[in-house]
Protein backbone atom coordinates (compact mmCIF):
# COMPACT_ATOMS: atom_id res chain seq x y z
CA UNK A 1 -32.85 -6.44 72.13
CA UNK A 2 -32.43 -10.18 71.57
CA UNK A 3 -35.27 -11.71 69.47
CA UNK A 4 -35.93 -14.38 72.11
CA UNK A 5 -36.29 -11.81 74.91
CA UNK A 6 -38.51 -9.55 72.78
CA UNK A 7 -40.65 -12.50 71.72
CA UNK A 8 -41.17 -13.62 75.33
CA UNK A 9 -41.96 -10.01 76.28
CA UNK A 10 -44.71 -10.01 73.64
CA UNK A 11 -46.04 -13.28 75.10
CA UNK A 12 -46.13 -11.55 78.49
CA UNK A 13 -48.06 -8.57 77.09
CA UNK A 14 -50.57 -10.84 75.34
CA UNK A 15 -50.97 -12.88 78.54
CA UNK A 16 -51.72 -9.74 80.55
CA UNK A 17 -54.28 -8.55 77.99
CA UNK A 18 -55.98 -11.97 77.95
CA UNK A 19 -55.91 -12.09 81.75
CA UNK A 20 -57.49 -8.65 82.03
CA UNK A 21 -60.18 -9.56 79.49
CA UNK A 22 -60.89 -12.78 81.40
CA UNK A 23 -61.04 -10.85 84.67
CA UNK A 24 -63.45 -8.34 83.12
CA UNK A 25 -65.69 -11.14 81.82
CA UNK A 26 -65.65 -13.47 84.82
CA UNK A 27 -64.64 -11.22 87.76
CA UNK A 28 -62.00 -13.69 88.99
CA UNK A 29 -58.53 -12.30 89.69
CA UNK A 30 -57.00 -15.78 89.53
CA UNK A 31 -57.67 -15.81 85.78
CA UNK A 32 -54.98 -13.15 85.29
CA UNK A 33 -52.45 -15.46 86.95
CA UNK A 34 -53.77 -18.45 84.98
CA UNK A 35 -53.31 -16.58 81.71
CA UNK A 36 -49.71 -15.75 82.62
CA UNK A 37 -48.91 -19.33 83.62
CA UNK A 38 -50.43 -20.79 80.45
CA UNK A 39 -49.03 -18.19 78.04
CA UNK A 40 -45.49 -18.37 79.36
CA UNK A 41 -45.41 -21.92 80.69
CA UNK A 42 -46.41 -23.48 77.40
CA UNK A 43 -42.96 -22.75 76.01
CA UNK A 44 -41.50 -25.35 78.36
CA UNK A 45 -42.43 -27.89 75.70
CA UNK A 46 -39.58 -26.50 73.60
CA UNK A 47 -37.35 -28.50 75.93
CA UNK A 48 -38.60 -31.65 74.17
CA UNK A 49 -37.17 -30.33 70.89
CA UNK A 50 -33.97 -29.16 72.54
CA UNK A 51 -33.29 -32.53 74.17
CA UNK A 52 -34.34 -34.39 71.01
CA UNK A 53 -31.56 -32.64 69.08
CA UNK A 54 -28.87 -31.99 71.68
CA UNK A 55 -29.51 -34.84 74.11
CA UNK A 56 -28.52 -34.07 77.67
CA UNK A 57 -25.77 -31.69 76.52
CA UNK A 58 -26.63 -28.44 78.30
CA UNK A 59 -23.70 -26.49 76.86
CA UNK A 60 -25.83 -25.07 74.05
CA UNK A 61 -27.94 -22.07 75.01
CA UNK A 62 -31.59 -23.00 75.45
CA UNK A 63 -32.48 -19.80 73.60
CA UNK A 64 -30.68 -21.01 70.50
CA UNK A 65 -33.39 -20.71 67.84
CA UNK A 66 -32.04 -23.05 65.18
CA UNK A 67 -32.29 -26.49 66.78
CA UNK A 68 -35.70 -26.97 65.11
CA UNK A 69 -34.09 -26.54 61.71
CA UNK A 70 -31.06 -28.64 62.61
CA UNK A 71 -33.13 -31.61 63.75
CA UNK A 72 -35.69 -31.40 60.93
CA UNK A 73 -38.38 -32.11 63.54
CA UNK A 74 -40.85 -29.95 65.40
CA UNK A 75 -42.16 -31.75 68.48
CA UNK A 76 -43.59 -29.01 70.74
CA UNK A 77 -46.39 -31.22 72.12
CA UNK A 78 -48.27 -28.39 73.85
CA UNK A 79 -48.44 -26.20 70.73
CA UNK A 80 -51.49 -27.62 68.99
CA UNK A 81 -54.52 -25.90 67.51
CA UNK A 82 -56.49 -29.08 68.27
CA UNK A 83 -56.62 -28.16 71.97
CA UNK A 84 -58.78 -25.08 71.33
CA UNK A 85 -62.06 -26.73 70.28
CA UNK A 86 -61.71 -29.16 73.19
CA UNK A 87 -61.28 -26.27 75.63
CA UNK A 88 -64.27 -24.38 74.23
CA UNK A 89 -66.44 -27.52 74.42
CA UNK A 90 -65.36 -28.01 78.04
CA UNK A 91 -66.20 -24.36 78.76
CA UNK A 92 -69.63 -24.84 77.24
CA UNK A 93 -70.32 -28.09 79.12
CA UNK A 94 -68.80 -27.23 82.52
CA UNK A 95 -70.38 -23.93 83.49
CA UNK A 96 -68.61 -23.67 86.86
CA UNK A 97 -65.20 -23.82 85.13
CA UNK A 98 -66.19 -21.78 82.09
CA UNK A 99 -63.87 -18.89 82.96
CA UNK A 100 -60.92 -21.22 83.47
CA UNK A 101 -61.35 -23.03 80.15
CA UNK A 102 -62.01 -19.85 78.18
CA UNK A 103 -58.99 -18.16 79.74
CA UNK A 104 -56.77 -21.12 78.85
CA UNK A 105 -58.15 -21.20 75.30
CA UNK A 106 -57.64 -17.46 74.79
CA UNK A 107 -54.14 -17.55 76.30
CA UNK A 108 -53.18 -20.43 73.99
CA UNK A 109 -54.73 -18.68 70.98
CA UNK A 110 -52.73 -15.51 71.64
CA UNK A 111 -49.55 -17.51 72.11
CA UNK A 112 -50.07 -19.60 68.97
CA UNK A 113 -50.94 -16.59 66.81
CA UNK A 114 -47.84 -14.67 67.89
CA UNK A 115 -45.65 -17.70 67.23
CA UNK A 116 -47.34 -18.48 63.91
CA UNK A 117 -46.75 -14.99 62.55
CA UNK A 118 -43.32 -14.36 64.05
CA UNK A 119 -41.74 -17.62 62.86
CA UNK A 120 -41.58 -18.73 59.25
CA UNK A 121 -43.83 -21.73 59.64
CA UNK A 122 -46.33 -23.67 57.60
CA UNK A 123 -49.91 -22.75 58.55
CA UNK A 124 -50.37 -26.28 59.88
CA UNK A 125 -47.09 -26.20 61.80
CA UNK A 126 -48.99 -26.00 65.08
CA UNK A 127 -51.33 -28.83 64.21
CA UNK A 128 -50.41 -31.82 66.34
CA UNK A 129 -52.09 -34.19 63.89
CA UNK A 130 -50.23 -32.66 60.92
CA UNK A 131 -46.88 -32.95 62.71
CA UNK A 132 -47.67 -36.51 63.74
CA UNK A 133 -48.50 -37.51 60.17
CA UNK A 134 -45.32 -35.91 58.77
C-alpha cells in the first residue's frame, strides 16, 4: 500500500476514535462528523506548500512527498501546535461550544502526533512561530 494512502487511512482511524470519544463525552453525533472534517480537511493546507514549489503546474502528483524537501520550506499554515491552547481556552470559556472546541483540539492533536512521528521532522516542525522565525 502506498505510504500516502496508508497515512491518510491512519488519519481516518484516529478521526473516528476522536469522534467516538467526543460523542461519548458530549452526546452529540455531529462531533463525529466534525472530527472527520478537521482531521482530514487540515491536510488541504499542504496545497500551500505544493503551489509554493511547483506553482500552478498540476502535472506533478499532489501526493508527491518530496516537495517539502525540494523547496526547503514548510508552510502548512494549519499545522500548528499553537492552536491547541487557544482551543482549550475557548472550550473553557464558552461552555455551550465546549464539545466543539474540545473535539477540534483532540482531532488536531491526533493528526499532529501521527504526522510528527511518521515524518522525520524537528520536534518544533509543527510550531507556526518556529517556522515563521526560521
